[in-house]
Protein backbone atom coordinates (compact mmCIF):
# COMPACT_ATOMS: atom_id res chain seq x y z
CA MET A 1 39.82 -26.05 -22.76
CA ILE A 2 36.91 -28.44 -22.18
CA ARG A 3 38.53 -28.74 -18.50
CA ALA A 4 38.28 -25.44 -17.82
CA PHE A 5 34.54 -25.54 -18.68
CA ALA A 6 33.68 -28.23 -16.77
CA ILE A 7 35.37 -26.59 -13.86
CA LEU A 8 33.32 -23.56 -14.51
CA ILE A 9 29.94 -25.91 -14.27
CA ALA A 10 30.87 -27.92 -11.64
CA LEU A 11 31.49 -24.37 -9.65
CA ALA A 12 28.17 -22.71 -11.15
CA LEU A 13 25.74 -25.78 -10.16
CA PRO A 14 25.77 -25.36 -6.25
CA ALA A 15 24.82 -21.83 -6.84
CA ALA A 16 21.71 -22.65 -9.08
CA ALA A 17 20.53 -25.85 -6.50
CA GLN A 18 20.71 -23.21 -3.96
CA GLU A 19 18.11 -20.95 -5.89
CA GLU A 20 14.96 -19.44 -3.87
CA SER A 21 11.36 -18.80 -5.72
CA ILE A 22 8.08 -17.75 -3.90
CA VAL A 23 4.91 -19.55 -4.48
CA VAL A 24 1.72 -17.77 -2.96
CA GLY A 25 -1.91 -17.32 -2.53
CA LEU A 26 -4.28 -14.84 -1.28
CA SER A 27 -7.43 -15.02 0.67
CA GLN A 28 -9.49 -13.30 -1.65
CA SER A 29 -8.39 -11.67 -5.20
CA SER A 30 -11.50 -9.07 -5.20
CA VAL A 31 -12.76 -6.68 -2.76
CA SER A 32 -16.06 -4.99 -2.84
CA ILE A 33 -16.94 -1.59 -1.49
CA THR A 34 -20.38 -1.48 -0.60
CA THR A 35 -22.23 0.82 2.18
CA ASP A 36 -21.87 -1.49 4.89
CA PHE A 37 -17.89 -1.81 4.36
CA VAL A 38 -16.05 -1.59 7.56
CA GLY A 39 -12.73 -2.65 6.43
CA SER A 40 -11.43 -5.63 5.03
CA GLU A 41 -8.74 -8.68 5.81
CA ILE A 42 -6.51 -10.33 3.16
CA LEU A 43 -4.70 -13.28 4.48
CA VAL A 44 -0.75 -13.19 2.25
CA TYR A 45 0.17 -16.89 2.84
CA GLY A 46 2.67 -19.14 0.43
CA ALA A 47 6.29 -21.59 0.62
CA VAL A 48 9.53 -20.96 -0.88
CA ARG A 49 10.10 -23.24 -3.18
CA ARG A 50 14.16 -24.40 -3.57
CA ASP A 51 16.40 -27.39 -4.93
CA ALA A 52 18.56 -27.62 -2.30
CA PRO A 53 18.18 -27.16 1.79
CA ALA A 54 18.25 -23.91 2.94
CA PRO A 55 21.89 -22.31 3.94
CA ALA A 56 22.41 -22.74 7.60
CA GLU A 57 23.72 -19.08 7.73
CA ASP A 58 22.23 -16.04 6.87
CA PRO A 59 18.28 -16.80 7.61
CA LEU A 60 15.60 -16.11 5.32
CA GLU A 61 13.51 -12.96 5.70
CA VAL A 62 10.44 -12.54 4.10
CA ILE A 63 8.76 -8.71 3.54
CA VAL A 64 5.04 -8.30 2.36
CA THR A 65 3.56 -4.87 0.90
CA VAL A 66 0.25 -4.06 -0.47
CA GLU A 67 0.04 -0.57 -2.57
CA GLY A 68 -3.11 1.34 -3.29
CA PRO A 69 -3.60 3.79 -6.23
CA ALA A 70 -1.12 6.23 -6.19
CA THR A 71 -2.14 9.55 -7.13
CA PRO A 72 -0.96 13.47 -7.13
CA ILE A 73 -0.98 15.46 -4.17
CA ILE A 74 -0.24 18.98 -2.90
CA VAL A 75 1.16 19.36 0.89
CA ARG A 76 0.18 22.98 1.96
CA LYS A 77 2.04 24.28 4.95
CA LYS A 78 -0.16 26.15 7.62
CA GLU A 79 1.32 29.22 9.43
CA ARG A 80 -0.68 31.59 12.05
CA ARG A 81 -0.86 34.88 11.42
CA VAL A 82 -2.59 37.66 13.09
CA GLY A 83 -4.71 35.05 14.84
CA ILE A 84 -5.70 33.15 11.77
CA TRP A 85 -4.30 30.02 10.07
CA ILE A 86 -3.23 30.18 6.18
CA ASN A 87 -1.96 28.52 3.46
CA ARG A 88 1.84 29.49 3.43
CA ASP A 89 4.07 26.62 1.60
CA LYS A 90 3.10 24.19 -0.81
CA VAL A 91 4.46 21.47 -2.66
CA ARG A 92 3.32 18.94 -5.39
CA ILE A 93 4.20 15.50 -5.10
CA GLY A 94 4.02 13.72 -8.27
CA SER A 95 2.59 10.00 -7.02
CA ALA A 96 1.69 8.78 -3.73
CA PRO A 97 0.18 5.81 -2.50
CA THR A 98 -3.45 6.33 -1.10
CA PHE A 99 -2.91 3.09 1.00
CA TYR A 100 0.54 1.40 1.53
CA ALA A 101 1.36 -1.50 4.27
CA ILE A 102 4.44 -3.49 4.79
CA ALA A 103 4.36 -6.40 6.88
CA THR A 104 7.81 -7.93 7.67
CA THR A 105 9.44 -11.27 9.57
CA GLY A 106 12.47 -9.10 11.24
CA ALA A 107 13.13 -5.36 11.61
CA LEU A 108 13.07 -3.65 8.26
CA GLY A 109 16.40 -1.58 8.57
CA ASP A 110 18.09 -5.40 9.62
CA ILE A 111 16.86 -7.36 6.64
CA LEU A 112 16.79 -4.94 3.45
CA SER A 113 19.95 -2.97 2.36
CA GLU A 114 19.48 0.51 1.02
CA THR A 115 20.61 -0.62 -2.55
CA GLU A 116 17.98 -3.56 -2.36
CA ASP A 117 15.23 -0.79 -0.94
CA LEU A 118 16.14 1.87 -3.74
CA ARG A 119 16.03 -1.21 -6.49
CA HIS A 120 12.84 -2.22 -5.57
CA ARG A 121 11.22 0.53 -3.33
CA ILE A 122 9.79 -1.01 -0.57
CA THR A 123 9.84 1.35 2.42
CA ILE A 124 7.43 4.17 2.12
CA PRO A 125 9.73 7.24 1.42
CA SER A 126 10.66 5.25 -1.53
CA VAL A 127 7.41 4.41 -3.21
CA ILE A 128 6.29 8.38 -2.63
CA ARG A 129 7.67 10.21 -6.38
CA ALA A 130 8.81 13.67 -4.99
CA ILE A 131 11.15 14.43 -8.37
CA GLY A 132 11.92 17.99 -8.33
CA ILE A 133 10.56 19.51 -5.25
CA SER A 134 13.25 21.16 -3.95
CA SER A 135 12.87 23.59 -6.24
CA GLU A 136 9.30 24.86 -4.72
CA ALA A 137 10.20 25.27 -0.98
CA GLU A 138 13.49 25.58 1.48
CA ASP A 139 12.25 22.49 3.19
CA ALA A 140 10.42 20.63 0.48
CA PRO A 141 11.38 17.28 2.53
CA GLN A 142 9.46 18.29 5.44
CA PHE A 143 6.19 17.88 3.15
CA VAL A 144 6.72 14.55 2.40
CA GLU A 145 7.79 13.63 6.10
CA ALA A 146 4.15 15.60 7.31
CA LEU A 147 2.43 13.38 4.60
CA MET A 148 3.75 10.26 5.68
CA ARG A 149 3.26 11.33 9.38
CA ILE A 150 -0.56 12.51 8.54
CA ARG A 151 -1.25 9.24 6.24
CA GLN A 152 0.41 7.16 9.16
CA ALA A 153 -2.29 8.83 11.78
CA GLU A 154 -4.94 8.39 9.81
CA GLY A 155 -3.85 4.04 9.29
CA ARG A 156 -3.03 4.79 5.29
CA TYR A 157 0.68 4.09 5.76
CA ARG A 158 1.76 0.99 8.06
CA VAL A 159 4.64 -0.93 9.04
CA ASN A 160 4.33 -4.00 10.77
CA GLU A 161 7.76 -5.42 11.56
CA HIS A 162 8.07 -9.14 13.05
CA ALA A 163 4.16 -9.66 11.65
CA VAL A 164 5.13 -12.13 9.21
CA ASP A 165 4.90 -15.87 10.73
CA LEU A 166 8.05 -17.98 8.91
CA ASP A 167 7.83 -21.95 10.03
CA GLU A 168 10.88 -23.44 9.07
CA GLN A 169 12.19 -20.99 7.15
CA THR A 170 9.61 -21.92 4.21
CA LEU A 171 6.24 -21.80 5.17
CA PHE A 172 4.90 -18.29 5.85
CA ARG A 173 1.63 -15.96 6.34
CA ALA A 174 0.93 -12.53 6.64
CA ASP A 175 -2.73 -10.58 7.76
CA VAL A 176 -2.72 -7.18 6.01
CA GLU A 177 -5.78 -5.10 6.82
CA LEU A 178 -7.31 -2.53 4.74
CA PRO A 179 -9.14 0.09 5.96
CA ALA A 180 -12.90 1.53 5.82
CA ASP A 181 -12.10 3.81 3.59
CA LEU A 182 -10.40 2.21 0.58
CA THR A 183 -10.25 4.13 -2.55
CA GLU A 184 -11.25 2.04 -5.50
CA GLY A 185 -8.51 0.65 -7.89
CA ASP A 186 -5.68 -2.23 -8.70
CA TYR A 187 -4.22 -2.61 -5.16
CA ARG A 188 -0.81 -4.30 -5.93
CA VAL A 189 1.00 -7.21 -3.48
CA ARG A 190 4.72 -7.93 -3.40
CA ILE A 191 6.18 -10.53 -1.63
CA PHE A 192 9.94 -9.97 -1.17
CA LEU A 193 12.58 -13.04 0.12
CA THR A 194 16.01 -11.66 1.53
CA ARG A 195 19.06 -13.06 2.68
CA ASP A 196 21.60 -11.02 4.63
CA GLY A 197 19.72 -7.54 2.96
CA ARG A 198 19.79 -8.93 -0.50
CA VAL A 199 16.69 -9.55 -2.49
CA VAL A 200 16.56 -13.29 -3.66
CA ASP A 201 13.29 -13.33 -5.16
CA THR A 202 10.01 -11.19 -5.33
CA ILE A 203 6.65 -11.55 -7.19
CA ASP A 204 3.23 -9.78 -7.49
CA ARG A 205 -0.07 -10.32 -7.33
CA THR A 206 -2.93 -7.82 -7.38
CA ILE A 207 -6.27 -6.99 -5.53
CA PHE A 208 -8.98 -5.74 -7.29
CA VAL A 209 -11.29 -3.03 -5.49
CA ARG A 210 -14.18 -2.04 -6.55
CA LYS A 211 -17.52 -0.10 -5.45
CA ALA A 212 -20.78 -2.48 -5.63
CA GLY A 213 -24.21 -1.71 -4.86
CA LEU A 214 -26.05 1.54 -4.61
CA GLU A 215 -21.96 3.12 -3.63
CA ARG A 216 -20.93 1.90 -7.34
CA PHE A 217 -25.02 2.99 -9.04
CA LEU A 218 -23.86 6.50 -7.39
CA TYR A 219 -20.17 6.66 -8.40
CA THR A 220 -21.06 5.84 -11.77
CA MET A 221 -23.58 8.17 -12.13
CA SER A 222 -21.59 10.77 -10.97
CA ARG A 223 -18.60 10.21 -13.16
CA GLU A 224 -21.17 9.61 -16.55
CA GLN A 225 -24.24 11.76 -15.52
CA SER A 226 -22.90 14.70 -13.65
CA ALA A 227 -25.93 16.85 -14.61
CA LEU A 228 -28.53 14.36 -12.95
CA TYR A 229 -26.43 13.10 -10.24
CA GLY A 230 -26.04 17.04 -9.04
CA LEU A 231 -30.15 17.40 -9.78
CA LEU A 232 -30.72 14.16 -7.97
CA SER A 233 -28.67 15.06 -4.65
CA LEU A 234 -30.73 18.66 -4.81
CA ALA A 235 -33.96 16.81 -4.38
CA LEU A 236 -32.75 14.70 -1.95
CA ALA A 237 -31.34 17.20 -0.11
CA VAL A 238 -34.59 19.01 -0.42
CA LEU A 239 -36.82 16.36 0.73
CA ALA A 240 -34.64 15.99 3.82
CA GLY A 241 -35.44 19.27 4.62
CA TRP A 242 -38.95 19.16 4.20
CA GLY A 243 -38.81 15.64 6.12
CA ALA A 244 -37.03 17.61 9.20
CA SER A 245 -39.19 20.40 8.86
CA THR A 246 -42.39 18.42 9.20
CA ILE A 247 -41.05 16.17 12.18
CA PHE A 248 -40.24 19.27 14.01
CA ARG A 249 -43.57 21.04 13.54
CA LEU A 250 -45.35 17.33 15.07
CA ILE A 251 -43.23 16.66 17.63
CA ARG A 252 -43.38 20.69 18.86
CA PRO A 253 -45.38 21.21 21.80
């Protein structure tokens, strides 16, 4: 009995020695949105910590994702009738990130299995929660595809394969660009290590995106003092109109 137990421990030791984990850092943990904000760039860097030399077979791969706040959204399908475009069908998607970026060391389909994608929700389709939409329209999956296509065209959804630099199977870095029209909230950064399509370790970090200065003042006023915000907006509109009219009269011959 003791001998069998010793054999089991001996067999388990090599597997434990090959465990790999992530040590990671971010160039900044917060982003301030001001009136002159034109976007930002986040550097994700780190290293792989291991207790033994990296296995020669099945090279290590790295996947980095940055996910913005998720919100429900209604996707509508337009149809041309009698010369005009009208909304026809619609689908309510329970949750979709306002921003989602993926950076990888290799082709995503080669370094991540479908099973691991379902488990960790890494690819863009997997992070969109669209449960039960099939009952809302006959071609419901096309609404999700349209949402992804539109947000990719806007730069809100990005997949950058081969964009993560991995040096000697140990040190890695990735640059992730954040657009100018960021939604305020907490942005989740995830880093995955994979071998043969299987996730061997993962770690989470958070980037705090907040409005600052005049942007923050106006945003807070619109939420907490909506009546005053409405009156101020009306007064500014009247003042702008009066100023434009005055300038026009002065420059008119």
